[in-house]
């Protein structure tokens, strides 16, 4: 595997579970409840009670405070999106929260069990299984009848030879090692099948979410959507995974197969050479229960998808009816008018086409280099008084004027104040008024109301500026209030 693939898998829930601080607690508790006991749905109250007993026993054995959180807090952490080890949901017709393990728990447990040391490792049965699978695929895809007949004839001859040997009393019995080998492979396959049901169910739910997203964002015709999603059968049941699961489920529901499987399992479980797993006694019932739950999930998702499509159709029909009602009401309104003035508004007489290549390309700004070498002191005499002949507005004088105007009244507008004390230094003095700050008054700006201020410059020309309404209000607070007017509002 490549580095990118492993890096992506590292963010999967199963890998995050193995890296978790309390991974032994999560794997042991969830594995016991959802895997060993094959629980597919359990109420939050029951699961919290069982986790409470487990935490109490662990804290007693490992020391108080080893697991300080409450059972509900642990379950919420395990069901959070960043963990993804439990699925928290409300079953149909129930208002109580239920939990179910996600496939990540099964995958993590399978990996942990695979690294344990095994006292016996069988290879013969797996080789026979691989050989039989190859034979089924090779001859199952054969189109030539003669080749199929030759293979069937060969198998019949081999069976006839074996029958004749048994009649003569010459037959071999499986050795204890071979029995243990095959039983070990049977247990592993049975457990993997049971784990696959949970992953199949999760994949069906993901397929349902993808279908809903496709329906919600569909902008084409309704017939095309139905043809793409459903066709002659439901998309969920008609998918590759759905067909494979249905074939397995039909095989499992066969009465003859169930009876044969139960009889064979009962004989194998009492063999002396194998260490029988007690859970395998009812494994076919666990398969049937898990398969029934997965089948019920598929049926529920199909019904929800059909209801979702019906809701979309109802909304479309309602919109069409609203448009028709509007057309009818407008027709009734103008039917008695002898010369109705029918007008239609359009955005433009022709579409506006904007080509991407019409946009100018980016041109970097030329930066002029600054050369500071070769600078020498000037020999000319320059009058330095020009540096001091700048406009200076004394804010203390303006503050004194505002405070004097506020004696005996609560507030005064800037325009009224300038009527009493006209501007002497033009725009600079006006900007200073807007930036005054004094503990004795506050400056309030009303951006929604505009006022004009006029004055004459040094040459006698009339000037004016449009500013927000400015009001000076007397303040009894000793705190300093600073109000700075946005000079970009001046026009």
Protein backbone atom coordinates (compact mmCIF):
# COMPACT_ATOMS: atom_id res chain seq x y z
CA UNK A 1 0.00 0.00 0.00
CA UNK A 2 1.10 3.54 -0.71
CA UNK A 3 1.81 6.17 1.91
CA UNK A 4 -1.23 8.23 0.86
CA UNK A 5 -3.54 5.25 1.28
CA UNK A 6 -2.23 4.46 4.75
CA UNK A 7 -2.42 8.12 5.74
CA UNK A 8 -6.07 8.21 4.67
CA UNK A 9 -6.83 4.97 6.55
CA UNK A 10 -5.22 6.43 9.67
CA UNK A 11 -8.16 8.82 9.91
CA UNK A 12 -10.75 6.03 9.70
CA UNK A 13 -12.79 5.20 12.86
CA UNK A 14 -11.24 1.72 13.23
CA UNK A 15 -7.68 3.11 13.29
CA UNK A 16 -8.73 5.93 15.64
CA UNK A 17 -10.16 3.30 17.98
CA UNK A 18 -6.84 1.45 18.14
CA UNK A 19 -5.06 4.74 18.91
CA UNK A 20 -7.55 5.83 21.60
CA UNK A 21 -6.38 6.28 25.19
CA UNK A 22 -9.10 3.95 26.51
CA UNK A 23 -8.99 1.48 23.60
CA UNK A 24 -8.97 -1.60 25.91
CA UNK A 25 -12.14 -0.37 27.63
CA UNK A 26 -13.89 0.41 24.33
CA UNK A 27 -12.92 -2.85 22.65
CA UNK A 28 -13.63 -5.08 25.65
CA UNK A 29 -17.00 -3.54 26.53
CA UNK A 30 -18.38 -2.96 23.03
CA UNK A 31 -16.97 -6.30 21.86
CA UNK A 32 -18.71 -8.16 24.66
CA UNK A 33 -22.07 -6.46 24.16
CA UNK A 34 -22.32 -6.06 20.39
CA UNK A 35 -20.04 -8.81 19.05
CA UNK A 36 -19.98 -11.70 21.52
CA UNK A 37 -23.67 -11.36 22.37
CA UNK A 38 -24.61 -10.25 18.81
CA UNK A 39 -26.71 -7.32 20.07
CA UNK A 40 -27.88 -5.17 17.17
CA UNK A 41 -29.87 -2.56 19.12
CA UNK A 42 -29.85 -1.71 22.82
CA UNK A 43 -31.50 1.12 24.71
CA UNK A 44 -29.40 3.87 26.20
CA UNK A 45 -30.60 3.11 29.75
CA UNK A 46 -29.63 -0.57 29.54
CA UNK A 47 -26.26 0.15 27.93
CA UNK A 48 -25.46 2.83 30.54
CA UNK A 49 -26.36 0.39 33.32
CA UNK A 50 -24.05 -2.29 31.93
CA UNK A 51 -21.24 0.21 31.40
CA UNK A 52 -21.71 1.52 34.95
CA UNK A 53 -21.16 -2.00 36.31
CA UNK A 54 -18.08 -2.42 34.10
CA UNK A 55 -16.59 0.93 35.19
CA UNK A 56 -17.24 0.15 38.85
CA UNK A 57 -15.44 -3.19 38.58
CA UNK A 58 -12.48 -1.65 36.73
CA UNK A 59 -12.13 1.23 39.22
CA UNK A 60 -12.22 -1.23 42.09
CA UNK A 61 -9.53 -3.36 40.47
CA UNK A 62 -7.29 -0.68 38.96
CA UNK A 63 -7.80 2.12 41.48
CA UNK A 64 -10.36 4.86 42.02
CA UNK A 65 -10.27 7.51 39.30
CA UNK A 66 -8.96 5.28 36.52
CA UNK A 67 -12.16 5.95 34.59
CA UNK A 68 -13.61 9.11 36.18
CA UNK A 69 -16.37 9.95 33.69
CA UNK A 70 -19.99 8.87 33.92
CA UNK A 71 -21.28 6.06 31.67
CA UNK A 72 -23.41 8.52 29.69
CA UNK A 73 -20.37 10.74 29.05
CA UNK A 74 -18.33 7.80 27.75
CA UNK A 75 -21.17 6.68 25.44
CA UNK A 76 -21.59 10.21 24.08
CA UNK A 77 -17.84 10.39 23.39
CA UNK A 78 -17.90 7.04 21.59
CA UNK A 79 -20.91 8.08 19.51
CA UNK A 80 -19.51 11.52 18.58
CA UNK A 81 -18.69 12.13 14.89
CA UNK A 82 -14.99 12.45 15.66
CA UNK A 83 -15.03 8.91 17.14
CA UNK A 84 -17.68 7.03 15.17
CA UNK A 85 -17.67 3.80 17.20
CA UNK A 86 -21.36 3.82 18.17
CA UNK A 87 -24.43 4.73 16.16
CA UNK A 88 -26.91 6.72 18.22
CA UNK A 89 -30.42 6.78 16.81
CA UNK A 90 -34.15 6.63 17.53
CA UNK A 91 -35.86 3.41 16.32
CA UNK A 92 -39.23 3.73 14.54
CA UNK A 93 -42.15 4.28 16.91
CA UNK A 94 -39.84 4.91 19.86
CA UNK A 95 -38.77 8.07 21.67
CA UNK A 96 -35.87 6.43 23.55
CA UNK A 97 -32.31 6.62 22.30
CA UNK A 98 -30.76 3.33 21.17
CA UNK A 99 -27.18 2.36 20.34
CA UNK A 100 -25.57 0.02 17.86
CA UNK A 101 -21.90 -0.63 17.15
CA UNK A 102 -20.42 0.55 13.87
CA UNK A 103 -18.32 -1.67 11.57
CA UNK A 104 -15.21 0.04 12.97
CA UNK A 105 -15.58 -1.94 16.21
CA UNK A 106 -15.75 -5.24 14.33
CA UNK A 107 -12.68 -4.35 12.22
CA UNK A 108 -10.63 -3.25 15.24
CA UNK A 109 -11.54 -6.40 17.17
CA UNK A 110 -10.67 -8.61 14.20
CA UNK A 111 -7.23 -6.99 13.92
CA UNK A 112 -6.57 -7.33 17.67
CA UNK A 113 -7.53 -11.01 17.58
CA UNK A 114 -5.32 -11.58 14.54
CA UNK A 115 -2.17 -10.52 16.41
CA UNK A 116 -2.72 -12.97 19.26
CA UNK A 117 -0.48 -16.02 19.42
CA UNK A 118 -2.22 -19.20 18.22
CA UNK A 119 -1.24 -22.63 19.44
CA UNK A 120 -2.53 -24.31 16.27
CA UNK A 121 -2.48 -22.88 12.74
CA UNK A 122 -4.16 -24.99 10.06
CA UNK A 123 -3.47 -24.58 6.37
CA UNK A 124 -4.91 -27.68 4.68
CA UNK A 125 -8.57 -26.64 4.93
CA UNK A 126 -7.87 -23.18 3.58
CA UNK A 127 -5.98 -24.67 0.63
CA UNK A 128 -8.92 -26.97 -0.10
CA UNK A 129 -11.29 -24.00 0.10
CA UNK A 130 -9.16 -21.94 -2.27
CA UNK A 131 -8.96 -24.87 -4.70
CA UNK A 132 -12.73 -25.37 -4.60
CA UNK A 133 -13.40 -21.68 -5.18
CA UNK A 134 -11.14 -21.68 -8.22
CA UNK A 135 -12.95 -24.75 -9.60
CA UNK A 136 -16.35 -23.10 -9.14
CA UNK A 137 -15.26 -19.92 -10.89
CA UNK A 138 -13.50 -21.72 -13.72
CA UNK A 139 -16.37 -24.06 -14.61
CA UNK A 140 -19.15 -21.73 -13.51
CA UNK A 141 -18.25 -19.35 -16.31
CA UNK A 142 -17.77 -22.06 -18.94
CA UNK A 143 -20.05 -21.68 -21.99
CA UNK A 144 -19.12 -24.90 -23.80
CA UNK A 145 -21.57 -27.73 -22.91
CA UNK A 146 -19.01 -30.43 -23.77
CA UNK A 147 -16.53 -29.05 -21.24
CA UNK A 148 -19.22 -28.95 -18.56
CA UNK A 149 -20.28 -32.52 -19.32
CA UNK A 150 -16.68 -33.70 -19.13
CA UNK A 151 -16.23 -32.07 -15.73
CA UNK A 152 -19.47 -33.56 -14.39
CA UNK A 153 -18.49 -37.00 -15.73
CA UNK A 154 -15.11 -36.75 -14.01
CA UNK A 155 -16.74 -35.84 -10.70
CA UNK A 156 -19.27 -38.67 -11.04
CA UNK A 157 -16.49 -41.19 -11.70
CA UNK A 158 -14.63 -39.98 -8.61
CA UNK A 159 -17.81 -40.34 -6.53
CA UNK A 160 -18.43 -43.85 -7.90
CA UNK A 161 -14.88 -44.87 -6.93
CA UNK A 162 -15.40 -43.50 -3.42
CA UNK A 163 -18.75 -45.29 -3.08
CA UNK A 164 -17.21 -48.58 -4.10
CA UNK A 165 -14.36 -48.11 -1.61
CA UNK A 166 -16.83 -47.45 1.22
CA UNK A 167 -18.80 -50.57 0.31
CA UNK A 168 -15.60 -52.58 0.69
CA UNK A 169 -14.86 -50.92 4.02
CA UNK A 170 -11.90 -48.93 2.82
CA UNK A 171 -12.25 -45.26 3.78
CA UNK A 172 -10.21 -42.71 5.69
CA UNK A 173 -11.34 -40.75 8.76
CA UNK A 174 -10.20 -37.22 9.35
CA UNK A 175 -7.36 -37.01 11.83
CA UNK A 176 -7.77 -34.81 14.93
CA UNK A 177 -5.43 -32.19 13.46
CA UNK A 178 -7.50 -32.00 10.28
CA UNK A 179 -10.69 -31.72 12.35
CA UNK A 180 -9.26 -28.84 14.39
CA UNK A 181 -8.03 -27.17 11.20
CA UNK A 182 -11.43 -27.24 9.55
CA UNK A 183 -13.29 -26.26 12.71
CA UNK A 184 -10.99 -23.28 13.20
CA UNK A 185 -11.68 -22.11 9.66
CA UNK A 186 -15.44 -22.62 10.16
CA UNK A 187 -15.46 -20.48 13.34
CA UNK A 188 -13.47 -17.70 11.65
CA UNK A 189 -15.75 -17.69 8.60
CA UNK A 190 -18.88 -17.74 10.77
CA UNK A 191 -17.70 -14.77 12.81
CA UNK A 192 -16.68 -12.85 9.67
CA UNK A 193 -20.14 -13.44 8.18
CA UNK A 194 -21.76 -12.08 11.31
CA UNK A 195 -19.51 -9.01 11.19
CA UNK A 196 -20.24 -8.47 7.51
CA UNK A 197 -23.94 -7.96 8.23
CA UNK A 198 -23.20 -4.82 10.26
CA UNK A 199 -20.96 -3.42 7.52
CA UNK A 200 -23.55 -4.24 4.82
CA UNK A 201 -26.18 -2.38 6.84
CA UNK A 202 -23.88 0.63 7.22
CA UNK A 203 -23.16 0.61 3.48
CA UNK A 204 -26.87 0.57 2.74
CA UNK A 205 -27.33 3.62 4.94
CA UNK A 206 -24.51 5.41 3.15
CA UNK A 207 -26.08 4.50 -0.20
CA UNK A 208 -29.39 5.93 1.01
CA UNK A 209 -27.70 9.20 2.05
CA UNK A 210 -26.02 9.47 -1.36
CA UNK A 211 -29.35 8.94 -3.11
CA UNK A 212 -31.03 11.61 -0.99
CA UNK A 213 -28.24 14.07 -1.74
CA UNK A 214 -28.59 13.35 -5.45
CA UNK A 215 -32.36 13.89 -5.29
CA UNK A 216 -32.01 17.12 -3.31
CA UNK A 217 -29.56 18.62 -5.82
CA UNK A 218 -31.28 17.31 -8.96
CA UNK A 219 -32.15 20.02 -11.47
CA UNK A 220 -33.25 17.94 -14.46
CA UNK A 221 -36.51 16.28 -15.39
CA UNK A 222 -38.30 14.09 -12.87
CA UNK A 223 -38.46 11.15 -15.31
CA UNK A 224 -34.70 11.15 -15.77
CA UNK A 225 -34.19 11.11 -12.01
CA UNK A 226 -36.54 8.16 -11.53
CA UNK A 227 -34.95 6.30 -14.42
CA UNK A 228 -31.49 6.84 -12.99
CA UNK A 229 -32.29 6.01 -9.38
CA UNK A 230 -34.97 3.37 -9.52
CA UNK A 231 -35.40 1.88 -13.00
CA UNK A 232 -37.46 -1.27 -12.79
CA UNK A 233 -36.39 -1.98 -9.20
CA UNK A 234 -35.34 -0.03 -6.19
CA UNK A 235 -31.75 1.25 -6.39
CA UNK A 236 -30.84 -0.02 -2.94
CA UNK A 237 -32.02 -3.58 -3.58
CA UNK A 238 -30.63 -3.55 -7.13
CA UNK A 239 -27.09 -2.56 -6.19
CA UNK A 240 -24.25 -5.12 -6.26
CA UNK A 241 -24.24 -5.33 -2.51
CA UNK A 242 -28.02 -5.64 -2.42
CA UNK A 243 -28.08 -8.53 -4.92
CA UNK A 244 -25.30 -10.37 -3.07
CA UNK A 245 -27.03 -9.94 0.27
CA UNK A 246 -30.39 -11.04 -1.14
CA UNK A 247 -28.85 -14.20 -2.58
CA UNK A 248 -27.27 -15.05 0.78
CA UNK A 249 -30.51 -14.26 2.61
CA UNK A 250 -32.55 -16.50 0.30
CA UNK A 251 -30.04 -19.30 0.86
CA UNK A 252 -30.30 -18.79 4.60
CA UNK A 253 -34.12 -18.90 4.56
CA UNK A 254 -34.22 -22.27 2.82
CA UNK A 255 -35.80 -24.79 5.21
CA UNK A 256 -33.83 -27.74 3.85
CA UNK A 257 -30.57 -25.83 4.20
CA UNK A 258 -31.40 -24.85 7.77
CA UNK A 259 -32.19 -28.44 8.77
CA UNK A 260 -29.04 -29.76 7.11
CA UNK A 261 -26.88 -27.04 8.69
CA UNK A 262 -28.35 -27.67 12.17
CA UNK A 263 -27.71 -31.42 11.93
CA UNK A 264 -24.13 -30.96 10.72
CA UNK A 265 -23.41 -28.36 13.39
CA UNK A 266 -24.77 -30.59 16.15
CA UNK A 267 -22.46 -33.45 15.05
CA UNK A 268 -19.37 -31.24 14.82
CA UNK A 269 -19.91 -29.55 18.19
CA UNK A 270 -19.62 -32.89 20.07
CA UNK A 271 -16.39 -34.05 18.40
CA UNK A 272 -13.66 -34.83 20.90
CA UNK A 273 -10.88 -33.50 18.71
CA UNK A 274 -12.19 -29.95 18.55
CA UNK A 275 -12.50 -27.34 21.28
CA UNK A 276 -16.12 -26.43 20.55
CA UNK A 277 -17.06 -22.76 20.72
CA UNK A 278 -20.37 -22.44 22.65
CA UNK A 279 -21.39 -19.50 20.52
CA UNK A 280 -21.32 -21.65 17.37
CA UNK A 281 -24.29 -23.71 18.60
CA UNK A 282 -26.68 -20.92 17.64
CA UNK A 283 -24.63 -19.21 14.94
CA UNK A 284 -27.23 -19.92 12.25
CA UNK A 285 -29.89 -18.26 14.41
CA UNK A 286 -27.57 -15.26 14.87
CA UNK A 287 -27.11 -15.14 11.10
CA UNK A 288 -30.85 -15.19 10.58
CA UNK A 289 -31.46 -12.46 13.19
CA UNK A 290 -28.73 -10.23 11.76
CA UNK A 291 -29.94 -10.86 8.22
CA UNK A 292 -33.54 -10.06 9.19
CA UNK A 293 -32.42 -6.79 10.77
CA UNK A 294 -30.42 -5.86 7.67
CA UNK A 295 -33.38 -6.79 5.47
CA UNK A 296 -35.66 -4.64 7.63
CA UNK A 297 -33.19 -1.76 7.32
CA UNK A 298 -33.18 -2.07 3.53
CA UNK A 299 -36.99 -2.16 3.48
CA UNK A 300 -37.20 0.88 5.76
CA UNK A 301 -34.70 2.83 3.67
CA UNK A 302 -36.62 1.95 0.52
CA UNK A 303 -39.86 3.16 2.05
CA UNK A 304 -38.24 6.38 3.26
CA UNK A 305 -36.75 6.97 -0.18
CA UNK A 306 -40.12 6.40 -1.84
CA UNK A 307 -41.79 8.76 0.66
CA UNK A 308 -39.08 11.32 0.01
CA UNK A 309 -39.77 11.15 -3.73
CA UNK A 310 -43.50 11.46 -3.07
CA UNK A 311 -42.88 14.60 -1.02
CA UNK A 312 -40.83 16.07 -3.84
CA UNK A 313 -43.63 15.29 -6.31
CA UNK A 314 -46.21 16.85 -3.99
CA UNK A 315 -44.15 20.04 -3.77
CA UNK A 316 -43.84 20.21 -7.54
CA UNK A 317 -47.59 19.65 -8.01
CA UNK A 318 -48.34 22.34 -5.45
CA UNK A 319 -46.09 24.81 -7.27
CA UNK A 320 -47.82 24.01 -10.57
CA UNK A 321 -51.22 24.58 -8.97
CA UNK A 322 -50.11 27.94 -7.59
CA UNK A 323 -48.96 29.00 -11.07
CA UNK A 324 -52.26 27.85 -12.62
CA UNK A 325 -54.30 29.70 -9.98
CA UNK A 326 -52.30 32.84 -10.68
CA UNK A 327 -52.95 32.53 -14.43
CA UNK A 328 -56.68 31.97 -13.85
CA UNK A 329 -57.03 34.96 -11.51
CA UNK A 330 -55.21 37.22 -13.96
CA UNK A 331 -57.43 36.01 -16.83
CA UNK A 332 -60.59 36.72 -14.82
CA UNK A 333 -59.31 40.16 -13.93
CA UNK A 334 -58.77 41.24 -17.56
CA UNK A 335 -61.62 39.38 -19.28
CA UNK A 336 -64.10 42.29 -18.94
CA UNK A 337 -61.60 44.97 -19.98
CA UNK A 338 -62.28 46.03 -23.58
CA UNK A 339 -58.72 47.09 -24.32
CA UNK A 340 -56.50 45.52 -21.69
CA UNK A 341 -53.00 46.86 -21.38
CA UNK A 342 -50.92 43.72 -21.30
CA UNK A 343 -47.31 44.33 -20.49
CA UNK A 344 -44.43 41.97 -20.19
CA UNK A 345 -41.14 42.94 -18.61
CA UNK A 346 -37.92 41.34 -19.74
CA UNK A 347 -34.46 41.89 -18.39
CA UNK A 348 -32.88 42.70 -21.74
CA UNK A 349 -33.51 42.37 -25.46
CA UNK A 350 -30.47 40.20 -25.92
CA UNK A 351 -28.37 38.03 -23.63
CA UNK A 352 -25.24 39.56 -22.25
CA UNK A 353 -22.27 37.39 -23.10
CA UNK A 354 -19.08 37.87 -21.16
CA UNK A 355 -16.15 35.84 -22.38
CA UNK A 356 -13.48 34.87 -19.85
CA UNK A 357 -10.69 35.90 -22.23
CA UNK A 358 -12.06 39.45 -22.42
CA UNK A 359 -10.78 40.13 -18.95
CA UNK A 360 -7.37 41.79 -18.99
CA UNK A 361 -4.46 39.79 -17.74
CA UNK A 362 -2.67 40.75 -14.61
CA UNK A 363 0.14 43.22 -15.08
CA UNK A 364 2.66 43.60 -12.32
CA UNK A 365 3.29 47.15 -11.16
CA UNK A 366 6.68 48.49 -12.08
CA UNK A 367 8.63 49.40 -8.97
CA UNK A 368 10.91 52.38 -9.40
CA UNK A 369 14.29 51.71 -7.82
CA UNK A 370 15.44 54.18 -5.20
CA UNK A 371 19.06 55.22 -5.57
CA UNK A 372 20.45 56.82 -2.43
CA UNK A 373 24.08 56.89 -3.45
CA UNK A 374 25.81 60.07 -4.47
CA UNK A 375 23.73 62.40 -2.23
CA UNK A 376 25.68 65.55 -1.29
CA UNK A 377 24.81 68.51 0.89
CA UNK A 378 23.25 71.39 -1.02
CA UNK A 379 25.19 74.63 -1.23
CA UNK A 380 22.16 76.93 -1.76
CA UNK A 381 20.64 78.96 1.06
CA UNK A 382 17.02 77.89 1.66
CA UNK A 383 14.57 79.89 3.74
CA UNK A 384 13.52 77.53 6.55
CA UNK A 385 10.52 79.72 7.51
CA UNK A 386 8.46 77.93 4.83
CA UNK A 387 8.47 74.80 7.00
CA UNK A 388 6.68 76.65 9.79
CA UNK A 389 4.14 78.46 7.63
CA UNK A 390 1.62 75.63 7.93
CA UNK A 391 -1.97 75.71 9.07
CA UNK A 392 -2.29 74.93 12.77
CA UNK A 393 -5.68 74.69 14.45
CA UNK A 394 -5.67 75.08 18.21
CA UNK A 395 -8.11 72.44 19.55
CA UNK A 396 -8.10 74.11 23.00
CA UNK A 397 -9.70 77.21 21.48
CA UNK A 398 -12.42 75.10 19.83
CA UNK A 399 -13.07 73.14 23.04
CA UNK A 400 -13.46 76.41 24.92
CA UNK A 401 -15.97 77.58 22.30
CA UNK A 402 -18.03 74.40 22.56
CA UNK A 403 -18.05 74.51 26.38
CA UNK A 404 -19.14 78.14 26.29
CA UNK A 405 -22.01 77.33 23.93
CA UNK A 406 -23.15 74.50 26.22
CA UNK A 407 -23.47 76.73 29.28
CA UNK A 408 -27.12 76.84 30.16
CA UNK A 409 -28.21 74.18 27.62
CA UNK A 410 -27.83 70.42 27.19
CA UNK A 411 -26.71 70.17 23.56
CA UNK A 412 -25.87 72.16 20.45
CA UNK A 413 -25.46 71.17 16.81
CA UNK A 414 -22.26 71.80 14.86
CA UNK A 415 -24.06 73.83 12.18
CA UNK A 416 -25.59 76.12 14.81
CA UNK A 417 -22.21 76.48 16.51
CA UNK A 418 -20.58 77.44 13.21
CA UNK A 419 -23.23 80.10 12.62
CA UNK A 420 -22.07 81.74 15.85
CA UNK A 421 -18.39 81.08 15.30
CA UNK A 422 -17.70 80.81 11.54
CA UNK A 423 -14.76 78.77 10.31
CA UNK A 424 -11.58 80.81 10.10
CA UNK A 425 -9.17 78.09 8.97
CA UNK A 426 -11.39 76.20 6.53
CA UNK A 427 -11.44 72.43 6.20
CA UNK A 428 -8.67 71.90 8.75
CA UNK A 429 -10.72 73.61 11.44
CA UNK A 430 -13.83 71.60 10.46
CA UNK A 431 -11.94 68.30 10.78
CA UNK A 432 -10.66 69.41 14.18
CA UNK A 433 -14.24 70.03 15.31
CA UNK A 434 -15.13 66.46 14.30
CA UNK A 435 -12.23 64.99 16.29
CA UNK A 436 -12.67 67.01 19.51
CA UNK A 437 -12.53 65.09 22.77
CA UNK A 438 -13.16 66.61 26.21
CA UNK A 439 -14.58 65.33 29.54
CA UNK A 440 -17.11 68.15 29.55
CA UNK A 441 -19.04 67.03 26.46
CA UNK A 442 -19.61 64.15 24.10
CA UNK A 443 -19.76 64.13 20.30
CA UNK A 444 -22.71 62.26 18.72
CA UNK A 445 -22.74 61.43 14.98
CA UNK A 446 -25.97 60.72 13.08
CA UNK A 447 -24.88 58.93 9.89
CA UNK A 448 -28.43 58.85 8.50
CA UNK A 449 -28.81 62.64 8.38
CA UNK A 450 -26.55 64.81 6.22
CA UNK A 451 -25.81 68.55 6.67
CA UNK A 452 -23.90 71.12 4.60
CA UNK A 453 -21.26 73.44 6.06
CA UNK A 454 -20.05 76.54 4.13
CA UNK A 455 -17.04 78.82 4.55
CA UNK A 456 -14.73 81.05 2.53
CA UNK A 457 -11.09 80.29 1.91
CA UNK A 458 -8.17 82.73 2.04
CA UNK A 459 -8.86 83.84 -1.55
CA UNK A 460 -12.51 84.65 -0.75
CA UNK A 461 -13.93 81.67 -2.68
CA UNK A 462 -16.99 79.92 -1.24
CA UNK A 463 -16.45 76.31 -0.11
CA UNK A 464 -18.85 73.71 1.29
CA UNK A 465 -18.74 70.18 2.70
CA UNK A 466 -21.42 67.56 3.35
CA UNK A 467 -21.02 65.85 6.72
CA UNK A 468 -23.13 63.70 9.06
CA UNK A 469 -25.19 65.58 11.63
CA UNK A 470 -22.90 66.31 14.59
CA UNK A 471 -24.24 67.18 18.03
CA UNK A 472 -22.24 68.21 21.10
CA UNK A 473 -23.95 67.10 24.33
CA UNK A 474 -22.98 68.20 27.77
CA UNK A 475 -21.63 65.36 29.90
CA UNK A 476 -21.49 65.22 33.68
CA UNK A 477 -19.11 62.23 33.60
CA UNK A 478 -15.46 62.77 34.33
CA UNK A 479 -14.45 60.00 31.96
CA UNK A 480 -12.83 61.08 28.75
CA UNK A 481 -14.84 60.34 25.59
CA UNK A 482 -13.00 60.11 22.34
CA UNK A 483 -14.99 60.39 19.12
CA UNK A 484 -13.16 60.49 15.82
CA UNK A 485 -15.20 61.29 12.74
CA UNK A 486 -14.59 59.26 9.59
CA UNK A 487 -13.07 61.80 7.25
CA UNK A 488 -14.01 59.70 4.24
CA UNK A 489 -17.63 60.85 4.69
CA UNK A 490 -16.62 64.40 3.77
CA UNK A 491 -17.47 65.28 0.22
